[in-house]
């Protein structure tokens, strides 16, 4: 059953695109699908919003800030605990390719990247539960 505070727990909750040509990628997806890009977690990361209210949000990472980075697009799955999910992924035959790391943004997001047993890359993330004020 869905937790109303985290309705996409263990589901595809986001997607990310890493690129060395962010302006061209923004233009491409903006023209093709009507996606809108806005500043997000801090440079070099932007938030992607699609026209569909039911769509997961996305992130665009300008990977020119890291000489070892490469271009990719992945789905991101929200989990309860990133460290536990990483351990479980390894037990299930996967590999941790980017260990848990805290986002530089204000929401406390922790994320990691994994490879499934066939080498497909996915992202996982968790956020502290936001309790509405009473």
Protein backbone atom coordinates (compact mmCIF):
# COMPACT_ATOMS: atom_id res chain seq x y z
CA UNK A 1 0.00 0.00 0.00
CA UNK A 2 1.25 3.47 -0.85
CA UNK A 3 2.46 5.74 1.92
CA UNK A 4 0.72 9.10 1.26
CA UNK A 5 3.89 10.91 2.36
CA UNK A 6 5.92 8.94 -0.22
CA UNK A 7 3.43 7.70 -2.83
CA UNK A 8 6.10 6.44 -5.24
CA UNK A 9 8.13 4.39 -2.74
CA UNK A 10 9.71 1.44 -4.60
CA UNK A 11 8.32 2.80 -7.87
CA UNK A 12 9.78 4.85 -10.69
CA UNK A 13 9.71 8.27 -9.08
CA UNK A 14 12.13 10.20 -11.29
CA UNK A 15 14.44 10.05 -14.27
CA UNK A 16 17.81 11.64 -14.93
CA UNK A 17 19.74 12.65 -18.01
CA UNK A 18 23.49 13.25 -17.87
CA UNK A 19 24.94 15.26 -20.74
CA UNK A 20 27.94 17.20 -21.90
CA UNK A 21 25.61 19.38 -24.03
CA UNK A 22 22.87 20.61 -21.65
CA UNK A 23 21.70 23.48 -23.83
CA UNK A 24 21.19 21.18 -26.84
CA UNK A 25 19.47 18.54 -24.70
CA UNK A 26 17.13 21.12 -23.14
CA UNK A 27 16.24 22.39 -26.61
CA UNK A 28 15.67 18.84 -27.95
CA UNK A 29 13.35 17.64 -25.16
CA UNK A 30 11.68 21.05 -24.84
CA UNK A 31 10.81 21.18 -28.55
CA UNK A 32 9.96 17.49 -28.90
CA UNK A 33 7.93 16.94 -25.72
CA UNK A 34 7.30 20.39 -24.21
CA UNK A 35 9.52 19.69 -21.20
CA UNK A 36 10.48 22.69 -19.03
CA UNK A 37 13.86 22.98 -17.31
CA UNK A 38 14.42 25.00 -14.16
CA UNK A 39 17.25 25.38 -11.66
CA UNK A 40 17.20 22.54 -9.17
CA UNK A 41 19.55 21.18 -6.57
CA UNK A 42 22.23 23.69 -7.47
CA UNK A 43 24.57 23.91 -10.40
CA UNK A 44 25.06 21.90 -12.51
CA UNK A 45 21.68 20.24 -11.93
CA UNK A 46 18.30 21.30 -13.32
CA UNK A 47 14.82 19.98 -12.60
CA UNK A 48 12.77 18.72 -15.56
CA UNK A 49 8.99 19.02 -15.55
CA UNK A 50 6.89 17.33 -18.20
CA UNK A 51 3.45 18.54 -19.33
CA UNK A 52 1.78 15.54 -17.69
CA UNK A 53 0.75 16.08 -14.07
CA UNK A 54 1.10 12.33 -13.47
CA UNK A 55 4.64 12.07 -14.80
CA UNK A 56 7.65 11.56 -12.59
CA UNK A 57 9.91 14.60 -12.41
CA UNK A 58 13.34 14.53 -13.98
CA UNK A 59 16.80 15.91 -13.53
CA UNK A 60 19.34 17.14 -16.05
CA UNK A 61 22.98 16.92 -14.99
CA UNK A 62 25.64 18.97 -16.81
CA UNK A 63 28.41 16.40 -16.61
CA UNK A 64 31.14 18.72 -17.88
CA UNK A 65 31.99 19.37 -14.21
CA UNK A 66 33.38 15.84 -13.87
CA UNK A 67 36.04 14.64 -16.32
CA UNK A 68 35.12 10.98 -15.66
CA UNK A 69 31.41 11.47 -16.39
CA UNK A 70 29.63 10.26 -19.50
CA UNK A 71 26.24 10.70 -21.17
CA UNK A 72 23.33 8.53 -20.02
CA UNK A 73 19.62 8.49 -19.25
CA UNK A 74 18.24 6.41 -16.38
CA UNK A 75 15.15 5.78 -14.31
CA UNK A 76 15.29 6.56 -10.59
CA UNK A 77 13.46 4.52 -7.99
CA UNK A 78 12.57 5.94 -4.60
CA UNK A 79 13.53 3.59 -1.74
CA UNK A 80 13.16 3.66 2.03
CA UNK A 81 16.91 3.46 2.72
CA UNK A 82 19.62 3.85 0.05
CA UNK A 83 22.36 2.02 1.98
CA UNK A 84 20.10 -0.99 2.62
CA UNK A 85 18.94 -0.99 -1.01
CA UNK A 86 22.58 -0.97 -2.19
CA UNK A 87 23.38 -3.97 0.01
CA UNK A 88 20.26 -5.79 -1.22
CA UNK A 89 21.18 -5.01 -4.85
CA UNK A 90 24.61 -6.62 -4.39
CA UNK A 91 23.01 -9.68 -2.74
CA UNK A 92 20.64 -9.94 -5.73
CA UNK A 93 23.52 -9.97 -8.23
CA UNK A 94 23.84 -6.25 -8.99
CA UNK A 95 26.67 -3.81 -8.46
CA UNK A 96 26.92 -0.40 -6.78
CA UNK A 97 28.55 1.93 -9.34
CA UNK A 98 28.09 5.18 -7.42
CA UNK A 99 27.85 4.75 -3.63
CA UNK A 100 25.29 6.58 -1.49
CA UNK A 101 25.83 10.32 -1.52
CA UNK A 102 23.87 13.20 -0.02
CA UNK A 103 22.57 15.79 -2.49
CA UNK A 104 23.78 19.36 -2.12
CA UNK A 105 20.12 20.49 -2.16
CA UNK A 106 18.06 21.43 0.88
CA UNK A 107 15.72 18.41 0.87
CA UNK A 108 18.15 15.84 2.28
CA UNK A 109 18.02 13.51 -0.73
CA UNK A 110 20.47 10.61 -0.65
CA UNK A 111 21.15 8.85 -3.95
CA UNK A 112 23.22 6.06 -5.52
CA UNK A 113 23.57 4.41 -8.92
CA UNK A 114 23.43 0.66 -9.47
CA UNK A 115 23.96 -1.83 -12.28
CA UNK A 116 21.50 -4.70 -12.53
CA UNK A 117 22.97 -8.16 -13.32
CA UNK A 118 22.99 -7.39 -17.07
CA UNK A 119 24.73 -4.01 -16.63
CA UNK A 120 21.73 -1.67 -16.96
CA UNK A 121 22.23 1.43 -14.83
CA UNK A 122 19.48 2.67 -12.51
CA UNK A 123 19.35 5.36 -9.85
CA UNK A 124 17.90 4.98 -6.38
CA UNK A 125 17.15 7.72 -3.88
CA UNK A 126 15.50 8.44 -0.54
CA UNK A 127 14.34 11.59 1.17
CA UNK A 128 13.44 12.28 4.76
CA UNK A 129 9.69 12.08 5.28
CA UNK A 130 8.21 15.56 5.14
CA UNK A 131 5.55 15.86 7.83
CA UNK A 132 3.05 18.61 7.13
CA UNK A 133 2.68 21.21 9.89
CA UNK A 134 -0.26 20.60 12.20
